[in-house]
Amino acid sequence: QVQLAESGGGLVQAGGSLRLSCAASGRTFSSSAMGWFRQAPGKEREFVAAISWSGGSTYFADSVKGRFTISRDNAKNTVYLQMTSLKPEDTAVYYCAADTSFKVGITLLQDEYDYWGQGTQVTVSS
């Protein structure tokens, strides 16, 4: 079992930065790939970024590549999403998710993630 809790969302002006955190409970965090997803109003939830269990592999959606970074601290059971150069189109509820299947590598597919947080709102004003 893994429980996830996101924090760090808020209101920021375009061009600003935010760092989201996702604190995990459970013994499988350090062996789980982690992902960030987001859902804007009226849109489907979409992939943002993912990181392997070791932190050695990362992957980003084209829309955030070069602006967002993902990292993790397995000693603190926490994964981070550093967001810079934020745009109004980044406005969404951001969710972290855990893939506890011990697969090699990371996945972009939402169905591969078996635990989800409640989400944190990020609003970027123009």
Protein backbone atom coordinates (compact mmCIF):
# COMPACT_ATOMS: atom_id res chain seq x y z
CA GLN A 1 0.00 0.00 0.00
CA VAL A 2 1.20 3.48 -0.83
CA GLN A 3 -0.48 6.70 0.23
CA LEU A 4 0.43 9.88 -1.59
CA ALA A 5 -0.08 13.50 -0.57
CA GLU A 6 0.73 16.41 -2.86
CA SER A 7 1.57 19.90 -1.68
CA GLY A 8 3.05 23.11 -3.00
CA GLY A 9 0.34 24.21 -5.38
CA GLY A 10 -0.95 27.75 -5.49
CA LEU A 11 -1.44 30.88 -7.55
CA VAL A 12 1.52 32.25 -9.49
CA GLN A 13 1.99 34.76 -12.27
CA ALA A 14 3.05 33.69 -15.72
CA GLY A 15 6.80 33.25 -15.85
CA GLY A 16 6.96 32.27 -12.21
CA SER A 17 7.96 29.05 -10.52
CA LEU A 18 6.51 26.52 -8.12
CA ARG A 19 7.78 23.32 -6.61
CA LEU A 20 5.31 20.56 -5.97
CA SER A 21 6.04 17.84 -3.47
CA CYS A 22 4.51 14.41 -3.14
CA ALA A 23 5.05 12.69 0.17
CA ALA A 24 4.58 8.95 0.18
CA SER A 25 3.93 6.48 2.92
CA GLY A 26 4.57 2.79 2.55
CA ARG A 27 7.55 0.56 2.16
CA THR A 28 7.45 0.29 -1.62
CA PHE A 29 8.12 3.94 -2.45
CA SER A 30 11.84 3.52 -3.04
CA SER A 31 11.19 0.74 -5.56
CA SER A 32 8.33 2.51 -7.32
CA ALA A 33 8.46 4.61 -10.43
CA MET A 34 6.65 7.89 -9.85
CA GLY A 35 4.73 10.13 -12.17
CA TRP A 36 3.08 13.52 -12.25
CA PHE A 37 -0.11 14.09 -14.17
CA ARG A 38 -2.42 17.07 -14.49
CA GLN A 39 -6.02 17.79 -15.34
CA ALA A 40 -7.18 21.16 -16.55
CA PRO A 41 -10.86 22.17 -16.37
CA GLY A 42 -12.86 20.47 -19.07
CA LYS A 43 -9.92 18.37 -20.21
CA GLU A 44 -8.74 14.84 -19.68
CA ARG A 45 -5.94 14.09 -17.27
CA GLU A 46 -2.59 14.07 -19.04
CA PHE A 47 0.94 12.91 -18.38
CA VAL A 48 3.47 15.51 -17.24
CA ALA A 49 6.62 13.77 -16.03
CA ALA A 50 7.91 10.50 -14.62
CA ILE A 51 10.97 9.24 -12.81
CA SER A 52 12.32 5.76 -12.30
CA TRP A 53 12.71 4.21 -8.86
CA SER A 54 16.39 5.12 -8.74
CA GLY A 55 15.98 8.59 -10.21
CA GLY A 56 18.26 7.61 -13.05
CA SER A 57 15.62 7.93 -15.76
CA THR A 58 13.18 10.74 -16.31
CA TYR A 59 10.69 11.59 -19.02
CA PHE A 60 8.65 14.68 -19.75
CA ALA A 61 5.70 15.65 -21.87
CA ASP A 62 6.71 17.84 -24.78
CA SER A 63 4.62 20.68 -23.37
CA VAL A 64 6.78 20.95 -20.24
CA LYS A 65 10.16 19.78 -21.50
CA GLY A 66 12.87 22.28 -20.62
CA ARG A 67 10.65 24.02 -18.05
CA PHE A 68 9.86 21.27 -15.53
CA THR A 69 12.17 18.91 -13.72
CA ILE A 70 11.31 15.85 -11.65
CA SER A 71 13.40 14.49 -8.82
CA ARG A 72 13.04 12.23 -5.83
CA ASP A 73 14.53 11.71 -2.41
CA ASN A 74 14.03 8.11 -1.42
CA ALA A 75 15.32 8.78 2.09
CA LYS A 76 12.44 11.24 2.54
CA ASN A 77 9.90 9.23 0.55
CA THR A 78 9.24 12.31 -1.54
CA VAL A 79 9.09 13.14 -5.22
CA TYR A 80 9.26 16.70 -6.50
CA LEU A 81 8.14 18.56 -9.57
CA GLN A 82 9.99 21.83 -10.09
CA MET A 83 8.06 24.04 -12.47
CA THR A 84 9.60 27.14 -14.01
CA SER A 85 8.56 29.59 -16.72
CA LEU A 86 4.97 28.77 -15.93
CA LYS A 87 2.28 29.56 -18.47
CA PRO A 88 -1.47 30.03 -18.05
CA GLU A 89 -1.96 26.75 -19.92
CA ASP A 90 -0.16 24.98 -17.06
CA THR A 91 -3.18 25.73 -14.86
CA ALA A 92 -4.53 22.40 -13.65
CA VAL A 93 -4.87 20.06 -10.72
CA TYR A 94 -1.59 18.18 -10.45
CA TYR A 95 -1.54 14.58 -9.26
CA CYS A 96 1.33 12.36 -8.31
CA ALA A 97 1.08 8.63 -8.86
CA ALA A 98 3.06 5.52 -8.05
CA ASP A 99 3.76 2.53 -10.25
CA THR A 100 4.56 -0.30 -7.84
CA SER A 101 4.84 -3.03 -10.44
CA PHE A 102 8.67 -3.21 -10.32
CA LYS A 103 8.88 -2.87 -14.07
CA VAL A 104 12.13 -1.79 -15.66
CA GLY A 105 11.96 1.79 -16.77
CA ILE A 106 9.07 4.24 -16.53
CA THR A 107 5.70 4.56 -18.14
CA LEU A 108 3.57 7.41 -19.42
CA LEU A 109 0.37 5.39 -19.23
CA GLN A 110 -2.03 6.35 -16.45
CA ASP A 111 -3.38 2.82 -16.22
CA GLU A 112 0.08 1.58 -15.22
CA TYR A 113 0.01 3.68 -12.05
CA ASP A 114 -1.82 2.00 -9.19
CA TYR A 115 -1.76 4.65 -6.46
CA TRP A 116 -2.77 8.28 -6.76
CA GLY A 117 -2.76 11.35 -4.60
CA GLN A 118 -5.67 13.74 -4.16
CA GLY A 119 -4.11 16.47 -6.25
CA THR A 120 -2.97 20.04 -5.72
CA GLN A 121 -4.25 23.04 -7.64
CA VAL A 122 -1.83 25.13 -9.68
CA THR A 123 -3.17 28.35 -11.14
CA VAL A 124 -1.06 30.51 -13.43
CA SER A 125 -2.36 34.01 -14.07
CA SER A 126 -1.52 35.94 -17.21
